[in-house]
Amino acid sequence: MRRFIFGFAGLAGAAAVIAGAAADHALGSHPHRAHLARIAAQYGLVHAAALLGIGLLFASVPPRWPRTAVRITGWCFVAAEIFFCGGLYVAAAGGNALLPLVPVGGTLFILGWLALFASAFGQSAS
């Protein structure tokens, strides 16, 4: 899982930087699309960094710390990057096919953070 999380964080970070550059350089004549790209880039970069932390955390959790909650956090962030950021990237590029998934992605971001919060208070048998 750790290698996947690190690799995905790299892709998410790269996509966010590309979206931010597109917002500033290629979408100047489309203010709404540039705004969508900036939002996606902001959330994408923040959560790419968070995924790096989750990967490190997962590798170093103490035996009685609940790995399941950390794993849930990672998968929620991965799916949210795809649905929320991906949906906004597509919308910024002029498509609307993934827009219905954007709120799902936002909800997954929230659930991921709540799972991380819960992991601090639970106990695991592993």
C-alpha atoms as a PDB file:
ATOM      1  CA  MET A   1       0.000   0.000   0.000  1.00  0.00           C
ATOM      2  CA  ARG A   2       2.783   2.415   0.912  1.00  0.00           C
ATOM      3  CA  ARG A   3       4.414   2.387  -2.522  1.00  0.00           C
ATOM      4  CA  PHE A   4       1.046   2.912  -4.203  1.00  0.00           C
ATOM      5  CA  ILE A   5       0.240   5.852  -1.906  1.00  0.00           C
ATOM      6  CA  PHE A   6       3.640   7.455  -2.582  1.00  0.00           C
ATOM      7  CA  GLY A   7       3.304   6.934  -6.323  1.00  0.00           C
ATOM      8  CA  PHE A   8      -0.233   8.295  -6.380  1.00  0.00           C
ATOM      9  CA  ALA A   9       0.863  11.302  -4.317  1.00  0.00           C
ATOM     10  CA  GLY A  10       3.453  12.034  -7.000  1.00  0.00           C
ATOM     11  CA  LEU A  11       0.870  11.842  -9.773  1.00  0.00           C
ATOM     12  CA  ALA A  12      -1.610  13.948  -7.816  1.00  0.00           C
ATOM     13  CA  GLY A  13       1.035  16.577  -7.115  1.00  0.00           C
ATOM     14  CA  ALA A  14       2.088  16.708 -10.757  1.00  0.00           C
ATOM     15  CA  ALA A  15      -1.528  17.021 -11.918  1.00  0.00           C
ATOM     16  CA  ALA A  16      -2.111  19.835  -9.436  1.00  0.00           C
ATOM     17  CA  VAL A  17       0.938  21.771 -10.625  1.00  0.00           C
ATOM     18  CA  ILE A  18      -0.153  21.338 -14.244  1.00  0.00           C
ATOM     19  CA  ALA A  19      -3.667  22.539 -13.372  1.00  0.00           C
ATOM     20  CA  GLY A  20      -2.298  25.550 -11.517  1.00  0.00           C
ATOM     21  CA  ALA A  21      -0.088  26.475 -14.453  1.00  0.00           C
ATOM     22  CA  ALA A  22      -2.988  26.025 -16.865  1.00  0.00           C
ATOM     23  CA  ALA A  23      -5.165  28.273 -14.697  1.00  0.00           C
ATOM     24  CA  ASP A  24      -2.568  31.023 -14.788  1.00  0.00           C
ATOM     25  CA  HIS A  25      -1.310  30.676 -18.355  1.00  0.00           C
ATOM     26  CA  ALA A  26      -3.780  28.888 -20.600  1.00  0.00           C
ATOM     27  CA  LEU A  27      -7.207  29.667 -19.180  1.00  0.00           C
ATOM     28  CA  GLY A  28      -6.939  33.445 -18.852  1.00  0.00           C
ATOM     29  CA  SER A  29      -9.791  34.020 -21.293  1.00  0.00           C
ATOM     30  CA  HIS A  30     -12.025  31.577 -19.349  1.00  0.00           C
ATOM     31  CA  PRO A  31     -12.233  32.923 -15.782  1.00  0.00           C
ATOM     32  CA  HIS A  32     -14.674  30.276 -14.532  1.00  0.00           C
ATOM     33  CA  ARG A  33     -12.597  27.410 -15.914  1.00  0.00           C
ATOM     34  CA  ALA A  34      -9.427  28.983 -14.476  1.00  0.00           C
ATOM     35  CA  HIS A  35     -11.147  29.210 -11.093  1.00  0.00           C
ATOM     36  CA  LEU A  36     -12.065  25.504 -11.225  1.00  0.00           C
ATOM     37  CA  ALA A  37      -8.482  24.606 -12.111  1.00  0.00           C
ATOM     38  CA  ARG A  38      -7.146  26.676  -9.199  1.00  0.00           C
ATOM     39  CA  ILE A  39      -9.520  25.022  -6.722  1.00  0.00           C
ATOM     40  CA  ALA A  40      -8.563  21.569  -7.984  1.00  0.00           C
ATOM     41  CA  ALA A  41      -4.865  22.447  -7.840  1.00  0.00           C
ATOM     42  CA  GLN A  42      -5.145  23.748  -4.283  1.00  0.00           C
ATOM     43  CA  TYR A  43      -6.955  20.668  -2.983  1.00  0.00           C
ATOM     44  CA  GLY A  44      -4.780  18.373  -5.088  1.00  0.00           C
ATOM     45  CA  LEU A  45      -1.503  19.729  -3.718  1.00  0.00           C
ATOM     46  CA  VAL A  46      -2.680  19.742  -0.112  1.00  0.00           C
ATOM     47  CA  HIS A  47      -3.893  16.173  -0.327  1.00  0.00           C
ATOM     48  CA  ALA A  48      -0.861  14.963  -2.297  1.00  0.00           C
ATOM     49  CA  ALA A  49       1.235  16.144   0.654  1.00  0.00           C
ATOM     50  CA  ALA A  50      -1.225  14.548   3.072  1.00  0.00           C
ATOM     51  CA  LEU A  51      -0.905  11.262   1.171  1.00  0.00           C
ATOM     52  CA  LEU A  52       2.867  11.381   1.673  1.00  0.00           C
ATOM     53  CA  GLY A  53       2.236  11.748   5.385  1.00  0.00           C
ATOM     54  CA  ILE A  54      -0.262   8.891   5.365  1.00  0.00           C
ATOM     55  CA  GLY A  55       2.280   6.663   3.605  1.00  0.00           C
ATOM     56  CA  LEU A  56       4.889   7.462   6.238  1.00  0.00           C
ATOM     57  CA  LEU A  57       2.396   7.070   9.052  1.00  0.00           C
ATOM     58  CA  PHE A  58       1.196   3.711   7.772  1.00  0.00           C
ATOM     59  CA  ALA A  59       4.777   2.422   7.677  1.00  0.00           C
ATOM     60  CA  SER A  60       5.521   3.520  11.218  1.00  0.00           C
ATOM     61  CA  VAL A  61       2.335   2.943  13.206  1.00  0.00           C
ATOM     62  CA  PRO A  62       2.876   1.225  16.549  1.00  0.00           C
ATOM     63  CA  PRO A  63       1.521  -2.333  16.798  1.00  0.00           C
ATOM     64  CA  ARG A  64      -1.549  -1.323  18.810  1.00  0.00           C
ATOM     65  CA  TRP A  65      -2.410   1.655  16.609  1.00  0.00           C
ATOM     66  CA  PRO A  66      -5.364   1.040  14.272  1.00  0.00           C
ATOM     67  CA  ARG A  67      -3.871   0.566  10.820  1.00  0.00           C
ATOM     68  CA  THR A  68      -7.333   0.108   9.347  1.00  0.00           C
ATOM     69  CA  ALA A  69      -8.265   3.733  10.009  1.00  0.00           C
ATOM     70  CA  VAL A  70      -5.005   4.924   8.445  1.00  0.00           C
ATOM     71  CA  ARG A  71      -5.663   2.667   5.443  1.00  0.00           C
ATOM     72  CA  ILE A  72      -9.196   4.095   5.131  1.00  0.00           C
ATOM     73  CA  THR A  73      -7.751   7.611   5.235  1.00  0.00           C
ATOM     74  CA  GLY A  74      -5.378   6.798   2.390  1.00  0.00           C
ATOM     75  CA  TRP A  75      -8.041   5.220   0.190  1.00  0.00           C
ATOM     76  CA  CYS A  76     -10.492   8.052   0.871  1.00  0.00           C
ATOM     77  CA  PHE A  77      -7.872  10.597  -0.185  1.00  0.00           C
ATOM     78  CA  VAL A  78      -6.976   8.619  -3.330  1.00  0.00           C
ATOM     79  CA  ALA A  79     -10.623   8.319  -4.380  1.00  0.00           C
ATOM     80  CA  ALA A  80     -11.268  11.973  -3.500  1.00  0.00           C
ATOM     81  CA  GLU A  81      -8.314  13.092  -5.623  1.00  0.00           C
ATOM     82  CA  ILE A  82      -9.847  11.213  -8.550  1.00  0.00           C
ATOM     83  CA  PHE A  83     -13.456  12.330  -8.042  1.00  0.00           C
ATOM     84  CA  PHE A  84     -13.056  15.865  -6.685  1.00  0.00           C
ATOM     85  CA  CYS A  85      -9.851  17.060  -8.323  1.00  0.00           C
ATOM     86  CA  GLY A  86     -10.301  14.933 -11.436  1.00  0.00           C
ATOM     87  CA  GLY A  87     -13.844  16.172 -11.898  1.00  0.00           C
ATOM     88  CA  LEU A  88     -12.713  19.779 -11.589  1.00  0.00           C
ATOM     89  CA  TYR A  89      -9.741  19.184 -13.916  1.00  0.00           C
ATOM     90  CA  VAL A  90     -12.120  17.856 -16.577  1.00  0.00           C
ATOM     91  CA  ALA A  91     -14.528  20.766 -16.017  1.00  0.00           C
ATOM     92  CA  ALA A  92     -11.663  23.250 -16.294  1.00  0.00           C
ATOM     93  CA  ALA A  93     -10.743  21.629 -19.601  1.00  0.00           C
ATOM     94  CA  GLY A  94     -14.307  22.185 -20.825  1.00  0.00           C
ATOM     95  CA  GLY A  95     -15.993  18.877 -20.044  1.00  0.00           C
ATOM     96  CA  ASN A  96     -18.861  18.217 -17.663  1.00  0.00           C
ATOM     97  CA  ALA A  97     -18.968  14.417 -17.548  1.00  0.00           C
ATOM     98  CA  LEU A  98     -17.378  14.091 -14.108  1.00  0.00           C
ATOM     99  CA  LEU A  99     -19.026  17.058 -12.380  1.00  0.00           C
ATOM    100  CA  PRO A 100     -21.563  14.842 -10.553  1.00  0.00           C
ATOM    101  CA  LEU A 101     -18.613  13.087  -8.849  1.00  0.00           C
ATOM    102  CA  VAL A 102     -17.117  16.288  -7.407  1.00  0.00           C
ATOM    103  CA  PRO A 103     -19.364  16.341  -4.283  1.00  0.00           C
ATOM    104  CA  VAL A 104     -18.630  12.645  -3.731  1.00  0.00           C
ATOM    105  CA  GLY A 105     -14.934  13.472  -3.791  1.00  0.00           C
ATOM    106  CA  GLY A 106     -15.401  16.338  -1.353  1.00  0.00           C
ATOM    107  CA  THR A 107     -17.253  14.019   1.000  1.00  0.00           C
ATOM    108  CA  LEU A 108     -14.435  11.479   0.716  1.00  0.00           C
ATOM    109  CA  PHE A 109     -11.889  14.158   1.651  1.00  0.00           C
ATOM    110  CA  ILE A 110     -13.920  14.872   4.799  1.00  0.00           C
ATOM    111  CA  LEU A 111     -14.321  11.173   5.616  1.00  0.00           C
ATOM    112  CA  GLY A 112     -10.591  10.646   5.165  1.00  0.00           C
ATOM    113  CA  TRP A 113      -9.765  13.374   7.659  1.00  0.00           C
ATOM    114  CA  LEU A 114     -12.340  11.979  10.100  1.00  0.00           C
ATOM    115  CA  ALA A 115     -10.850   8.491   9.742  1.00  0.00           C
ATOM    116  CA  LEU A 116      -7.437   9.942  10.560  1.00  0.00           C
ATOM    117  CA  PHE A 117      -8.938  11.649  13.602  1.00  0.00           C
ATOM    118  CA  ALA A 118     -10.565   8.384  14.681  1.00  0.00           C
ATOM    119  CA  SER A 119      -7.308   6.486  14.282  1.00  0.00           C
ATOM    120  CA  ALA A 120      -5.779   8.563  17.054  1.00  0.00           C
ATOM    121  CA  PHE A 121      -8.314   7.286  19.566  1.00  0.00           C
ATOM    122  CA  GLY A 122      -8.901   3.678  18.597  1.00  0.00           C
ATOM    123  CA  GLN A 123      -7.008   0.575  19.562  1.00  0.00           C
ATOM    124  CA  SER A 124      -6.120  -2.264  17.289  1.00  0.00           C
ATOM    125  CA  ALA A 125      -5.435  -5.901  17.998  1.00  0.00           C
ATOM    126  CA  SER A 126      -2.705  -5.912  15.339  1.00  0.00           C
END
